[in-house]
Amino acid sequence: MKIITTPMCEEIVKLAGISEYIVNKFPDEEEGDLAIALSESNVEMDCVPIKINTPSQIFESIKKVSKINEKELSDEDVLAFFNDYELSKKYLNFNFKRDVNVKVYSKFLRDIVEDVGFNIVQENYDYVIYPDYLKEDVKESENLVEISSHNCISKNPFEKVEVRYAILESLI
């Protein structure tokens, strides 16, 4: 089976134990049997869509992709990948509820903000959280929190969580 993955998903593919694959930002440009891409990607070939914004999404994505391999990873195998990432591990196992109201400018950030336990509101918010690529669209001028998007941060999903969640935790 010829597997094509996007650069953003390559780390998940590696962790899932798949060693033979091709990386292309546009999987349909390759001759392949299966693509592994972010769930919001529009891919013509058969695709395993994954999400990697939160620790639980990373966990589920590794499990899902490992099913393609001959040896599916156990929960314990996947949990071991979290050992070197304190915030990823912390938010994988606990549901937090915090008294912080935020306005969010992006769907991918909604997942992260909810995972941290913030309340998403449109009025009476403490902070406005937006991805770097929407900086020009933000209408508010105070209590702005910019979060790096996919293109301006490590492709390693654990490192992304660590950076993004550290910024959000600093607001608590």
Protein backbone atom coordinates (compact mmCIF):
# COMPACT_ATOMS: atom_id res chain seq x y z
CA MET A 1 0.00 0.00 0.00
CA LYS A 2 1.39 3.39 -0.97
CA ILE A 3 0.66 5.94 1.77
CA ILE A 4 0.85 9.69 1.26
CA THR A 5 0.84 12.04 4.24
CA THR A 6 0.94 15.77 4.62
CA PRO A 7 3.86 17.40 6.47
CA MET A 8 1.56 18.28 9.38
CA CYS A 9 0.63 14.62 9.86
CA GLU A 10 4.03 13.04 9.33
CA GLU A 11 4.91 12.82 13.03
CA ILE A 12 1.66 10.92 13.74
CA VAL A 13 2.46 8.52 10.89
CA LYS A 14 5.94 7.87 12.32
CA LEU A 15 4.65 7.39 15.87
CA ALA A 16 1.99 4.98 14.58
CA GLY A 17 4.80 2.77 13.30
CA ILE A 18 4.45 3.35 9.57
CA SER A 19 7.88 3.59 8.01
CA GLU A 20 7.13 3.67 4.30
CA TYR A 21 5.24 6.73 3.13
CA ILE A 22 5.60 9.82 0.97
CA VAL A 23 5.21 13.36 2.30
CA ASN A 24 3.43 15.89 0.12
CA LYS A 25 1.47 18.96 1.17
CA PHE A 26 -0.94 18.04 -1.65
CA PRO A 27 -1.46 14.24 -1.47
CA ASP A 28 -3.48 14.10 -4.68
CA GLU A 29 -0.36 15.13 -6.62
CA GLU A 30 1.10 11.69 -5.83
CA GLU A 31 0.17 8.25 -7.05
CA GLY A 32 -1.01 6.62 -3.85
CA ASP A 33 -3.52 4.30 -2.27
CA LEU A 34 -4.23 6.17 0.95
CA ALA A 35 -3.73 9.67 2.29
CA ILE A 36 -3.30 10.62 5.91
CA ALA A 37 -4.26 14.27 6.27
CA LEU A 38 -5.83 16.76 8.64
CA SER A 39 -9.59 16.34 8.84
CA GLU A 40 -10.23 19.70 7.20
CA SER A 41 -8.16 18.72 4.14
CA ASN A 42 -9.94 18.13 0.88
CA VAL A 43 -8.36 15.00 -0.59
CA GLU A 44 -9.66 13.01 -3.57
CA MET A 45 -8.02 9.66 -2.76
CA ASP A 46 -9.06 7.41 0.11
CA CYS A 47 -8.08 9.26 3.25
CA VAL A 48 -7.68 8.71 6.96
CA PRO A 49 -8.61 12.13 8.37
CA ILE A 50 -7.02 13.07 11.68
CA LYS A 51 -7.04 15.95 14.15
CA ILE A 52 -3.99 16.98 16.16
CA ASN A 53 -4.91 20.18 18.03
CA THR A 54 -5.41 18.72 21.51
CA PRO A 55 -3.70 15.91 23.43
CA SER A 56 -6.79 13.68 23.16
CA GLN A 57 -6.94 14.30 19.40
CA ILE A 58 -3.25 13.37 19.12
CA PHE A 59 -3.85 10.20 21.14
CA GLU A 60 -6.84 9.18 19.01
CA SER A 61 -5.04 10.01 15.77
CA ILE A 62 -2.03 7.84 16.65
CA LYS A 63 -4.38 4.97 17.52
CA LYS A 64 -6.37 5.47 14.30
CA VAL A 65 -3.30 5.58 12.05
CA SER A 66 -1.69 2.62 13.82
CA LYS A 67 -4.66 0.48 12.72
CA ILE A 68 -3.31 0.75 9.16
CA ASN A 69 -0.13 -0.95 10.30
CA GLU A 70 0.07 -4.68 10.94
CA LYS A 71 0.51 -4.07 14.66
CA GLU A 72 -2.01 -1.68 16.18
CA LEU A 73 -0.56 0.24 19.12
CA SER A 74 -2.02 -0.31 22.58
CA ASP A 75 -3.19 2.56 24.76
CA GLU A 76 -0.06 2.09 26.88
CA ASP A 77 2.16 2.32 23.80
CA VAL A 78 0.53 5.61 22.80
CA LEU A 79 0.62 7.02 26.34
CA ALA A 80 4.40 6.52 26.38
CA PHE A 81 4.72 9.15 23.64
CA PHE A 82 3.33 11.73 26.08
CA ASN A 83 5.97 11.15 28.77
CA ASP A 84 8.29 13.96 27.67
CA TYR A 85 5.52 16.51 27.24
CA GLU A 86 4.18 17.80 30.56
CA LEU A 87 1.25 19.88 29.31
CA SER A 88 0.22 17.31 26.71
CA LYS A 89 0.10 14.64 29.40
CA LYS A 90 -1.68 16.94 31.88
CA TYR A 91 -4.49 17.79 29.47
CA LEU A 92 -4.83 14.26 28.14
CA ASN A 93 -6.06 12.94 31.46
CA PHE A 94 -8.04 15.75 33.07
CA ASN A 95 -11.05 17.91 32.26
CA PHE A 96 -10.57 21.42 33.53
CA LYS A 97 -13.17 24.10 34.10
CA ARG A 98 -11.87 27.58 34.58
CA ASP A 99 -13.54 30.90 35.22
CA VAL A 100 -11.98 32.58 32.17
CA ASN A 101 -14.21 33.93 29.41
CA VAL A 102 -12.68 34.23 25.96
CA LYS A 103 -13.72 35.19 22.47
CA VAL A 104 -12.15 32.90 19.86
CA TYR A 105 -11.47 33.66 16.23
CA SER A 106 -10.82 30.21 14.82
CA LYS A 107 -12.29 26.72 14.77
CA PHE A 108 -9.00 24.97 15.49
CA LEU A 109 -8.46 27.25 18.50
CA ARG A 110 -11.95 26.48 19.83
CA ASP A 111 -10.88 22.87 20.44
CA ILE A 112 -7.78 24.00 22.30
CA VAL A 113 -9.52 26.70 24.36
CA GLU A 114 -12.29 24.31 25.40
CA ASP A 115 -9.69 21.69 26.32
CA VAL A 116 -7.93 24.17 28.60
CA GLY A 117 -11.32 24.76 30.26
CA PHE A 118 -12.05 28.33 29.19
CA ASN A 119 -15.59 29.50 28.48
CA ILE A 120 -16.18 30.66 24.91
CA VAL A 121 -18.38 33.76 24.80
CA GLN A 122 -19.08 36.61 22.40
CA GLU A 123 -19.50 39.35 25.03
CA ASN A 124 -17.99 40.15 28.42
CA TYR A 125 -14.80 38.24 27.64
CA ASP A 126 -11.51 38.45 29.47
CA TYR A 127 -9.36 37.76 26.39
CA VAL A 128 -9.60 37.59 22.61
CA ILE A 129 -7.74 34.56 21.27
CA TYR A 130 -6.88 34.41 17.59
CA PRO A 131 -4.46 32.61 15.26
CA ASP A 132 -1.60 34.62 13.79
CA TYR A 133 -3.06 34.41 10.28
CA LEU A 134 -6.21 36.29 11.37
CA LYS A 135 -4.39 39.19 13.03
CA GLU A 136 -5.77 41.69 10.50
CA ASP A 137 -9.35 40.47 11.10
CA VAL A 138 -9.35 41.02 14.86
CA LYS A 139 -11.51 44.03 15.64
CA GLU A 140 -10.83 44.23 19.37
CA SER A 141 -7.82 46.15 20.67
CA GLU A 142 -7.30 44.95 24.26
CA ASN A 143 -6.42 41.65 25.96
CA LEU A 144 -5.38 40.06 22.68
CA VAL A 145 -3.71 36.66 22.69
CA GLU A 146 -2.09 35.51 19.46
CA ILE A 147 -1.53 31.78 18.95
CA SER A 148 0.78 30.41 16.27
CA SER A 149 -0.96 28.58 13.47
CA HIS A 150 0.12 25.39 11.72
CA ASN A 151 2.61 27.10 9.43
CA CYS A 152 4.44 29.12 12.07
CA ILE A 153 5.16 26.45 14.66
CA SER A 154 6.84 23.04 14.96
CA LYS A 155 5.24 20.26 12.95
CA ASN A 156 5.60 18.00 15.99
CA PRO A 157 2.06 17.91 17.47
CA PHE A 158 3.34 17.53 21.04
CA GLU A 159 5.58 20.58 20.72
CA LYS A 160 2.64 22.55 19.29
CA VAL A 161 0.50 21.63 22.29
CA GLU A 162 3.26 22.60 24.69
CA VAL A 163 3.69 26.06 23.14
CA ARG A 164 0.00 26.82 22.66
CA TYR A 165 -1.18 25.51 26.02
CA ALA A 166 1.63 27.34 27.84
CA ILE A 167 0.36 30.62 26.36
CA LEU A 168 -3.19 29.85 27.45
CA GLU A 169 -2.14 28.69 30.92
CA SER A 170 -0.38 32.02 31.42
CA LEU A 171 -3.82 33.64 31.31
CA ILE A 172 -5.10 31.74 34.35
